[in-house]
PDB file of N, CA and C in Angstrom:
ATOM      1  N   MET A   1      -2.661  14.079 -11.632  1.00  0.00           N
ATOM      2  CA  MET A   1      -3.341  12.811 -11.515  1.00  0.00           C
ATOM      3  C   MET A   1      -3.383  12.419 -10.042  1.00  0.00           C
ATOM      4  N   LYS A   2      -4.435  11.728  -9.647  1.00  0.00           N
ATOM      5  CA  LYS A   2      -4.608  11.318  -8.255  1.00  0.00           C
ATOM      6  C   LYS A   2      -4.656   9.800  -8.142  1.00  0.00           C
ATOM      7  N   ILE A   3      -4.351   9.326  -6.934  1.00  0.00           N
ATOM      8  CA  ILE A   3      -4.477   7.908  -6.602  1.00  0.00           C
ATOM      9  C   ILE A   3      -5.362   7.815  -5.366  1.00  0.00           C
ATOM     10  N   LYS A   4      -6.277   6.839  -5.353  1.00  0.00           N
ATOM     11  CA  LYS A   4      -7.174   6.633  -4.220  1.00  0.00           C
ATOM     12  C   LYS A   4      -6.720   5.411  -3.442  1.00  0.00           C
ATOM     13  N   ILE A   5      -6.524   5.581  -2.137  1.00  0.00           N
ATOM     14  CA  ILE A   5      -6.147   4.487  -1.250  1.00  0.00           C
ATOM     15  C   ILE A   5      -7.351   4.194  -0.361  1.00  0.00           C
ATOM     16  N   LYS A   6      -7.798   2.930  -0.369  1.00  0.00           N
ATOM     17  CA  LYS A   6      -8.950   2.520   0.432  1.00  0.00           C
ATOM     18  C   LYS A   6      -8.598   1.276   1.227  1.00  0.00           C
ATOM     19  N   SER A   7      -9.069   1.212   2.473  1.00  0.00           N
ATOM     20  CA  SER A   7      -8.903  -0.017   3.251  1.00  0.00           C
ATOM     21  C   SER A   7      -9.977  -0.090   4.324  1.00  0.00           C
ATOM     22  N   THR A   8     -10.294  -1.324   4.712  1.00  0.00           N
ATOM     23  CA  THR A   8     -11.170  -1.585   5.851  1.00  0.00           C
ATOM     24  C   THR A   8     -10.532  -2.724   6.632  1.00  0.00           C
ATOM     25  N   ASP A   9     -10.892  -2.825   7.925  1.00  0.00           N
ATOM     26  CA  ASP A   9     -10.348  -3.927   8.709  1.00  0.00           C
ATOM     27  C   ASP A   9     -11.456  -4.610   9.495  1.00  0.00           C
ATOM     28  N   ILE A  10     -11.096  -5.671  10.203  1.00  0.00           N
ATOM     29  CA  ILE A  10     -12.091  -6.456  10.935  1.00  0.00           C
ATOM     30  C   ILE A  10     -12.680  -5.692  12.116  1.00  0.00           C
ATOM     31  N   HIS A  11     -12.056  -4.584  12.500  1.00  0.00           N
ATOM     32  CA  HIS A  11     -12.560  -3.773  13.605  1.00  0.00           C
ATOM     33  C   HIS A  11     -13.507  -2.673  13.122  1.00  0.00           C
ATOM     34  N   GLY A  12     -13.802  -2.666  11.841  1.00  0.00           N
ATOM     35  CA  GLY A  12     -14.736  -1.691  11.296  1.00  0.00           C
ATOM     36  C   GLY A  12     -14.107  -0.355  10.954  1.00  0.00           C
ATOM     37  N   GLN A  13     -12.783  -0.258  11.035  1.00  0.00           N
ATOM     38  CA  GLN A  13     -12.130   0.991  10.664  1.00  0.00           C
ATOM     39  C   GLN A  13     -12.063   1.083   9.146  1.00  0.00           C
ATOM     40  N   TYR A  14     -12.417   2.244   8.640  1.00  0.00           N
ATOM     41  CA  TYR A  14     -12.471   2.468   7.204  1.00  0.00           C
ATOM     42  C   TYR A  14     -11.600   3.666   6.868  1.00  0.00           C
ATOM     43  N   TYR A  15     -10.807   3.545   5.822  1.00  0.00           N
ATOM     44  CA  TYR A  15      -9.921   4.624   5.391  1.00  0.00           C
ATOM     45  C   TYR A  15     -10.073   4.788   3.890  1.00  0.00           C
ATOM     46  N   GLU A  16     -10.273   6.015   3.458  1.00  0.00           N
ATOM     47  CA  GLU A  16     -10.322   6.316   2.031  1.00  0.00           C
ATOM     48  C   GLU A  16      -9.827   7.738   1.836  1.00  0.00           C
ATOM     49  N   LYS A  17      -8.831   7.891   0.971  1.00  0.00           N
ATOM     50  CA  LYS A  17      -8.279   9.216   0.751  1.00  0.00           C
ATOM     51  C   LYS A  17      -7.638   9.287  -0.629  1.00  0.00           C
ATOM     52  N   ASP A  18      -7.783  10.436  -1.280  1.00  0.00           N
ATOM     53  CA  ASP A  18      -7.139  10.689  -2.565  1.00  0.00           C
ATOM     54  C   ASP A  18      -5.827  11.428  -2.333  1.00  0.00           C
ATOM     55  N   PHE A  19      -4.803  11.050  -3.090  1.00  0.00           N
ATOM     56  CA  PHE A  19      -3.503  11.694  -3.003  1.00  0.00           C
ATOM     57  C   PHE A  19      -3.056  12.116  -4.394  1.00  0.00           C
ATOM     58  N   GLU A  20      -2.374  13.241  -4.462  1.00  0.00           N
ATOM     59  CA  GLU A  20      -1.808  13.706  -5.719  1.00  0.00           C
ATOM     60  C   GLU A  20      -0.567  12.874  -6.029  1.00  0.00           C
ATOM     61  N   LEU A  21      -0.502  12.318  -7.242  1.00  0.00           N
ATOM     62  CA  LEU A  21       0.677  11.550  -7.644  1.00  0.00           C
ATOM     63  C   LEU A  21       1.824  12.516  -7.917  1.00  0.00           C
ATOM     64  N   LYS A  22       2.973  12.236  -7.328  1.00  0.00           N
ATOM     65  CA  LYS A  22       4.184  13.027  -7.561  1.00  0.00           C
ATOM     66  C   LYS A  22       4.895  12.538  -8.817  1.00  0.00           C
ATOM     67  N   ASN A  23       4.771  11.226  -9.092  1.00  0.00           N
ATOM     68  CA  ASN A  23       5.453  10.627 -10.231  1.00  0.00           C
ATOM     69  C   ASN A  23       4.732   9.333 -10.601  1.00  0.00           C
ATOM     70  N   LYS A  24       4.641   9.068 -11.885  1.00  0.00           N
ATOM     71  CA  LYS A  24       4.060   7.818 -12.386  1.00  0.00           C
ATOM     72  C   LYS A  24       4.925   7.341 -13.537  1.00  0.00           C
ATOM     73  N   SER A  25       5.338   6.079 -13.491  1.00  0.00           N
ATOM     74  CA  SER A  25       6.164   5.508 -14.553  1.00  0.00           C
ATOM     75  C   SER A  25       5.595   4.167 -14.976  1.00  0.00           C
ATOM     76  N   ASP A  26       5.707   3.868 -16.269  1.00  0.00           N
ATOM     77  CA  ASP A  26       5.247   2.600 -16.815  1.00  0.00           C
ATOM     78  C   ASP A  26       6.424   1.937 -17.524  1.00  0.00           C
ATOM     79  N   TYR A  27       6.849   0.789 -16.985  1.00  0.00           N
ATOM     80  CA  TYR A  27       7.976   0.053 -17.541  1.00  0.00           C
ATOM     81  C   TYR A  27       7.530  -1.233 -18.222  1.00  0.00           C
ATOM     82  N   GLY A  28       6.304  -1.270 -18.706  1.00  0.00           N
ATOM     83  CA  GLY A  28       5.791  -2.476 -19.355  1.00  0.00           C
ATOM     84  C   GLY A  28       5.249  -3.462 -18.351  1.00  0.00           C
ATOM     85  N   ASN A  29       6.114  -4.277 -17.745  1.00  0.00           N
ATOM     86  CA  ASN A  29       5.638  -5.279 -16.778  1.00  0.00           C
ATOM     87  C   ASN A  29       5.575  -4.713 -15.365  1.00  0.00           C
ATOM     88  N   LYS A  30       5.964  -3.449 -15.178  1.00  0.00           N
ATOM     89  CA  LYS A  30       5.923  -2.824 -13.848  1.00  0.00           C
ATOM     90  C   LYS A  30       5.450  -1.380 -13.984  1.00  0.00           C
ATOM     91  N   LYS A  31       4.479  -1.015 -13.120  1.00  0.00           N
ATOM     92  CA  LYS A  31       4.037   0.369 -13.028  1.00  0.00           C
ATOM     93  C   LYS A  31       4.456   0.891 -11.663  1.00  0.00           C
ATOM     94  N   GLU A  32       4.918   2.127 -11.621  1.00  0.00           N
ATOM     95  CA  GLU A  32       5.429   2.701 -10.383  1.00  0.00           C
ATOM     96  C   GLU A  32       4.707   4.023 -10.114  1.00  0.00           C
ATOM     97  N   TYR A  33       4.223   4.178  -8.872  1.00  0.00           N
ATOM     98  CA  TYR A  33       3.494   5.379  -8.466  1.00  0.00           C
ATOM     99  C   TYR A  33       4.149   5.945  -7.206  1.00  0.00           C
ATOM    100  N   HIS A  34       4.342   7.257  -7.160  1.00  0.00           N
ATOM    101  CA  HIS A  34       4.916   7.932  -5.988  1.00  0.00           C
ATOM    102  C   HIS A  34       3.908   8.958  -5.481  1.00  0.00           C
ATOM    103  N   TYR A  35       3.701   8.979  -4.166  1.00  0.00           N
ATOM    104  CA  TYR A  35       2.837   9.980  -3.545  1.00  0.00           C
ATOM    105  C   TYR A  35       3.279  10.147  -2.102  1.00  0.00           C
ATOM    106  N   GLU A  36       2.729  11.167  -1.434  1.00  0.00           N
ATOM    107  CA  GLU A  36       3.011  11.388  -0.017  1.00  0.00           C
ATOM    108  C   GLU A  36       1.708  11.350   0.761  1.00  0.00           C
ATOM    109  N   ASP A  37       1.735  10.642   1.917  1.00  0.00           N
ATOM    110  CA  ASP A  37       0.582  10.647   2.805  1.00  0.00           C
ATOM    111  C   ASP A  37       0.970  11.299   4.126  1.00  0.00           C
ATOM    112  N   GLU A  38       0.099  11.206   5.116  1.00  0.00           N
ATOM    113  CA  GLU A  38       0.343  11.870   6.400  1.00  0.00           C
ATOM    114  C   GLU A  38       1.503  11.250   7.180  1.00  0.00           C
ATOM    115  N   TYR A  39       2.010  10.088   6.745  1.00  0.00           N
ATOM    116  CA  TYR A  39       3.086   9.408   7.460  1.00  0.00           C
ATOM    117  C   TYR A  39       4.429   9.433   6.737  1.00  0.00           C
ATOM    118  N   GLY A  40       4.467   9.846   5.483  1.00  0.00           N
ATOM    119  CA  GLY A  40       5.738   9.908   4.778  1.00  0.00           C
ATOM    120  C   GLY A  40       5.594   9.790   3.273  1.00  0.00           C
ATOM    121  N   LYS A  41       6.718   9.525   2.617  1.00  0.00           N
ATOM    122  CA  LYS A  41       6.765   9.344   1.170  1.00  0.00           C
ATOM    123  C   LYS A  41       6.461   7.887   0.845  1.00  0.00           C
ATOM    124  N   CYS A  42       5.625   7.667  -0.163  1.00  0.00           N
ATOM    125  CA  CYS A  42       5.166   6.323  -0.494  1.00  0.00           C
ATOM    126  C   CYS A  42       5.449   5.992  -1.955  1.00  0.00           C
ATOM    127  N   LYS A  43       5.723   4.704  -2.197  1.00  0.00           N
ATOM    128  CA  LYS A  43       5.882   4.185  -3.551  1.00  0.00           C
ATOM    129  C   LYS A  43       5.046   2.918  -3.664  1.00  0.00           C
ATOM    130  N   ILE A  44       4.387   2.769  -4.793  1.00  0.00           N
ATOM    131  CA  ILE A  44       3.655   1.543  -5.104  1.00  0.00           C
ATOM    132  C   ILE A  44       4.213   0.997  -6.410  1.00  0.00           C
ATOM    133  N   PHE A  45       4.580  -0.294  -6.397  1.00  0.00           N
ATOM    134  CA  PHE A  45       5.002  -0.989  -7.605  1.00  0.00           C
ATOM    135  C   PHE A  45       3.926  -2.012  -7.932  1.00  0.00           C
ATOM    136  N   LYS A  46       3.350  -1.923  -9.117  1.00  0.00           N
ATOM    137  CA  LYS A  46       2.323  -2.865  -9.559  1.00  0.00           C
ATOM    138  C   LYS A  46       2.913  -3.739 -10.646  1.00  0.00           C
ATOM    139  N   PHE A  47       3.001  -5.042 -10.335  1.00  0.00           N
ATOM    140  CA  PHE A  47       3.445  -6.043 -11.297  1.00  0.00           C
ATOM    141  C   PHE A  47       2.223  -6.838 -11.749  1.00  0.00           C
ATOM    142  N   ASN A  48       2.405  -7.822 -12.616  1.00  0.00           N
ATOM    143  CA  ASN A  48       1.278  -8.619 -13.105  1.00  0.00           C
ATOM    144  C   ASN A  48       0.540  -9.336 -11.985  1.00  0.00           C
ATOM    145  N   ASP A  49       1.275  -9.894 -11.004  1.00  0.00           N
ATOM    146  CA  ASP A  49       0.614 -10.692  -9.968  1.00  0.00           C
ATOM    147  C   ASP A  49       0.900 -10.236  -8.543  1.00  0.00           C
ATOM    148  N   THR A  50       1.626  -9.138  -8.360  1.00  0.00           N
ATOM    149  CA  THR A  50       1.900  -8.631  -7.012  1.00  0.00           C
ATOM    150  C   THR A  50       1.832  -7.106  -6.978  1.00  0.00           C
ATOM    151  N   ILE A  51       1.617  -6.611  -5.762  1.00  0.00           N
ATOM    152  CA  ILE A  51       1.656  -5.181  -5.463  1.00  0.00           C
ATOM    153  C   ILE A  51       2.661  -5.003  -4.338  1.00  0.00           C
ATOM    154  N   GLU A  52       3.608  -4.072  -4.493  1.00  0.00           N
ATOM    155  CA  GLU A  52       4.557  -3.745  -3.433  1.00  0.00           C
ATOM    156  C   GLU A  52       4.311  -2.308  -3.001  1.00  0.00           C
ATOM    157  N   ILE A  53       4.202  -2.098  -1.674  1.00  0.00           N
ATOM    158  CA  ILE A  53       3.948  -0.763  -1.129  1.00  0.00           C
ATOM    159  C   ILE A  53       5.069  -0.432  -0.146  1.00  0.00           C
ATOM    160  N   TYR A  54       5.712   0.701  -0.369  1.00  0.00           N
ATOM    161  CA  TYR A  54       6.810   1.150   0.487  1.00  0.00           C
ATOM    162  C   TYR A  54       6.465   2.515   1.059  1.00  0.00           C
ATOM    163  N   ARG A  55       6.767   2.720   2.331  1.00  0.00           N
ATOM    164  CA  ARG A  55       6.577   4.028   2.969  1.00  0.00           C
ATOM    165  C   ARG A  55       7.850   4.368   3.734  1.00  0.00           C
ATOM    166  N   TYR A  56       8.311   5.616   3.568  1.00  0.00           N
ATOM    167  CA  TYR A  56       9.495   6.116   4.261  1.00  0.00           C
ATOM    168  C   TYR A  56       9.108   7.401   4.974  1.00  0.00           C
ATOM    169  N   GLY A  57       9.293   7.460   6.287  1.00  0.00           N
ATOM    170  CA  GLY A  57       8.954   8.667   7.028  1.00  0.00           C
ATOM    171  C   GLY A  57       8.685   8.357   8.476  1.00  0.00           C
ATOM    172  N   GLN A  58       7.591   8.943   9.002  1.00  0.00           N
ATOM    173  CA  GLN A  58       7.198   8.717  10.394  1.00  0.00           C
ATOM    174  C   GLN A  58       6.966   7.232  10.658  1.00  0.00           C
ATOM    175  N   ILE A  59       6.327   6.557   9.702  1.00  0.00           N
ATOM    176  CA  ILE A  59       6.146   5.105   9.751  1.00  0.00           C
ATOM    177  C   ILE A  59       6.818   4.533   8.515  1.00  0.00           C
ATOM    178  N   ASN A  60       7.792   3.639   8.703  1.00  0.00           N
ATOM    179  CA  ASN A  60       8.466   2.974   7.582  1.00  0.00           C
ATOM    180  C   ASN A  60       7.857   1.592   7.400  1.00  0.00           C
ATOM    181  N   SER A  61       7.561   1.241   6.168  1.00  0.00           N
ATOM    182  CA  SER A  61       6.997  -0.080   5.932  1.00  0.00           C
ATOM    183  C   SER A  61       7.318  -0.565   4.527  1.00  0.00           C
ATOM    184  N   LYS A  62       7.297  -1.891   4.386  1.00  0.00           N
ATOM    185  CA  LYS A  62       7.427  -2.569   3.101  1.00  0.00           C
ATOM    186  C   LYS A  62       6.414  -3.700   3.127  1.00  0.00           C
ATOM    187  N   GLN A  63       5.491  -3.677   2.179  1.00  0.00           N
ATOM    188  CA  GLN A  63       4.454  -4.699   2.121  1.00  0.00           C
ATOM    189  C   GLN A  63       4.407  -5.262   0.703  1.00  0.00           C
ATOM    190  N   ILE A  64       4.322  -6.577   0.599  1.00  0.00           N
ATOM    191  CA  ILE A  64       4.212  -7.239  -0.704  1.00  0.00           C
ATOM    192  C   ILE A  64       2.990  -8.136  -0.670  1.00  0.00           C
ATOM    193  N   PHE A  65       2.075  -7.925  -1.614  1.00  0.00           N
ATOM    194  CA  PHE A  65       0.811  -8.646  -1.643  1.00  0.00           C
ATOM    195  C   PHE A  65       0.613  -9.318  -2.990  1.00  0.00           C
ATOM    196  N   LYS A  66       0.088 -10.554  -2.974  1.00  0.00           N
ATOM    197  CA  LYS A  66      -0.272 -11.255  -4.199  1.00  0.00           C
ATOM    198  C   LYS A  66      -1.662 -10.787  -4.619  1.00  0.00           C
ATOM    199  N   THR A  67      -1.807 -10.393  -5.862  1.00  0.00           N
ATOM    200  CA  THR A  67      -3.082  -9.912  -6.380  1.00  0.00           C
ATOM    201  C   THR A  67      -4.102 -11.045  -6.408  1.00  0.00           C
ATOM    202  N   GLY A  68      -5.310 -10.782  -5.876  1.00  0.00           N
ATOM    203  CA  GLY A  68      -6.385 -11.762  -5.889  1.00  0.00           C
ATOM    204  C   GLY A  68      -6.256 -12.855  -4.850  1.00  0.00           C
ATOM    205  N   GLU A  69      -5.329 -12.710  -3.888  1.00  0.00           N
ATOM    206  CA  GLU A  69      -5.129 -13.725  -2.855  1.00  0.00           C
ATOM    207  C   GLU A  69      -5.003 -13.074  -1.477  1.00  0.00           C
ATOM    208  N   LYS A  70      -5.168 -13.892  -0.429  1.00  0.00           N
ATOM    209  CA  LYS A  70      -4.898 -13.441   0.933  1.00  0.00           C
ATOM    210  C   LYS A  70      -3.406 -13.544   1.201  1.00  0.00           C
ATOM    211  N   THR A  71      -2.852 -12.520   1.812  1.00  0.00           N
ATOM    212  CA  THR A  71      -1.439 -12.507   2.175  1.00  0.00           C
ATOM    213  C   THR A  71      -1.344 -12.284   3.675  1.00  0.00           C
ATOM    214  N   SER A  72      -0.649 -13.150   4.383  1.00  0.00           N
ATOM    215  CA  SER A  72      -0.421 -12.980   5.818  1.00  0.00           C
ATOM    216  C   SER A  72       0.793 -12.082   6.022  1.00  0.00           C
ATOM    217  N   PHE A  73       0.711 -11.195   7.023  1.00  0.00           N
ATOM    218  CA  PHE A  73       1.849 -10.337   7.320  1.00  0.00           C
ATOM    219  C   PHE A  73       1.781  -9.867   8.765  1.00  0.00           C
ATOM    220  N   THR A  74       2.922  -9.442   9.284  1.00  0.00           N
ATOM    221  CA  THR A  74       3.019  -8.863  10.619  1.00  0.00           C
ATOM    222  C   THR A  74       3.339  -7.391  10.467  1.00  0.00           C
ATOM    223  N   TYR A  75       2.594  -6.559  11.168  1.00  0.00           N
ATOM    224  CA  TYR A  75       2.798  -5.114  11.125  1.00  0.00           C
ATOM    225  C   TYR A  75       3.220  -4.670  12.510  1.00  0.00           C
ATOM    226  N   PHE A  76       4.355  -4.024  12.619  1.00  0.00           N
ATOM    227  CA  PHE A  76       4.757  -3.572  13.944  1.00  0.00           C
ATOM    228  C   PHE A  76       5.548  -2.275  13.883  1.00  0.00           C
ATOM    229  N   THR A  77       5.355  -1.471  14.915  1.00  0.00           N
ATOM    230  CA  THR A  77       6.100  -0.241  15.136  1.00  0.00           C
ATOM    231  C   THR A  77       6.594  -0.299  16.578  1.00  0.00           C
ATOM    232  N   LYS A  78       7.188   0.782  17.055  1.00  0.00           N
ATOM    233  CA  LYS A  78       7.611   0.818  18.459  1.00  0.00           C
ATOM    234  C   LYS A  78       6.417   0.697  19.396  1.00  0.00           C
ATOM    235  N   GLU A  79       5.258   1.204  18.977  1.00  0.00           N
ATOM    236  CA  GLU A  79       4.074   1.233  19.839  1.00  0.00           C
ATOM    237  C   GLU A  79       3.114   0.074  19.613  1.00  0.00           C
ATOM    238  N   PHE A  80       3.212  -0.642  18.493  1.00  0.00           N
ATOM    239  CA  PHE A  80       2.151  -1.571  18.122  1.00  0.00           C
ATOM    240  C   PHE A  80       2.717  -2.751  17.334  1.00  0.00           C
ATOM    241  N   LYS A  81       2.111  -3.934  17.536  1.00  0.00           N
ATOM    242  CA  LYS A  81       2.450  -5.111  16.745  1.00  0.00           C
ATOM    243  C   LYS A  81       1.186  -5.930  16.535  1.00  0.00           C
ATOM    244  N   GLY A  82       0.968  -6.396  15.332  1.00  0.00           N
ATOM    245  CA  GLY A  82      -0.204  -7.218  15.047  1.00  0.00           C
ATOM    246  C   GLY A  82       0.030  -8.111  13.850  1.00  0.00           C
ATOM    247  N   LYS A  83      -0.671  -9.240  13.809  1.00  0.00           N
ATOM    248  CA  LYS A  83      -0.613 -10.164  12.674  1.00  0.00           C
ATOM    249  C   LYS A  83      -1.929 -10.045  11.915  1.00  0.00           C
ATOM    250  N   TYR A  84      -1.821  -9.988  10.593  1.00  0.00           N
ATOM    251  CA  TYR A  84      -2.988  -9.745   9.757  1.00  0.00           C
ATOM    252  C   TYR A  84      -2.962 -10.624   8.519  1.00  0.00           C
ATOM    253  N   GLU A  85      -4.117 -10.702   7.875  1.00  0.00           N
ATOM    254  CA  GLU A  85      -4.236 -11.232   6.527  1.00  0.00           C
ATOM    255  C   GLU A  85      -4.925 -10.152   5.718  1.00  0.00           C
ATOM    256  N   ILE A  86      -4.450  -9.955   4.512  1.00  0.00           N
ATOM    257  CA  ILE A  86      -5.064  -8.950   3.657  1.00  0.00           C
ATOM    258  C   ILE A  86      -5.403  -9.607   2.322  1.00  0.00           C
ATOM    259  N   PHE A  87      -6.570  -9.263   1.796  1.00  0.00           N
ATOM    260  CA  PHE A  87      -6.969  -9.716   0.459  1.00  0.00           C
ATOM    261  C   PHE A  87      -6.770  -8.519  -0.463  1.00  0.00           C
ATOM    262  N   THR A  88      -5.955  -8.683  -1.487  1.00  0.00           N
ATOM    263  CA  THR A  88      -5.628  -7.586  -2.390  1.00  0.00           C
ATOM    264  C   THR A  88      -6.461  -7.703  -3.652  1.00  0.00           C
ATOM    265  N   ASN A  89      -7.131  -6.601  -3.978  1.00  0.00           N
ATOM    266  CA  ASN A  89      -7.976  -6.561  -5.156  1.00  0.00           C
ATOM    267  C   ASN A  89      -7.747  -5.243  -5.865  1.00  0.00           C
ATOM    268  N   ILE A  90      -7.499  -5.274  -7.139  1.00  0.00           N
ATOM    269  CA  ILE A  90      -7.331  -4.047  -7.920  1.00  0.00           C
ATOM    270  C   ILE A  90      -8.702  -3.650  -8.441  1.00  0.00           C
ATOM    271  N   ILE A  91      -9.102  -2.415  -8.129  1.00  0.00           N
ATOM    272  CA  ILE A  91     -10.419  -1.948  -8.591  1.00  0.00           C
ATOM    273  C   ILE A  91     -10.279  -0.768  -9.530  1.00  0.00           C
TER     274      ILE A  91
END
């Protein structure tokens, strides 16, 4: 099974890529997906009203987004820091 990750930003950068799921679990009120991208191992937790995305590897991150709403967050690494708003939509 595959998972598709898509994103666009205000600078016109577009990202879309399919990844092979390593593991998928359904716990009723929580769905869990595991895959690997070019930056490390990733986990997505899908709840009724939030999405949590974790990445461990070259870039480590933890992001929590409310479904159907804008979420403000700060993204930073050793080389980069920025403040963003993201609108999360399940398609």
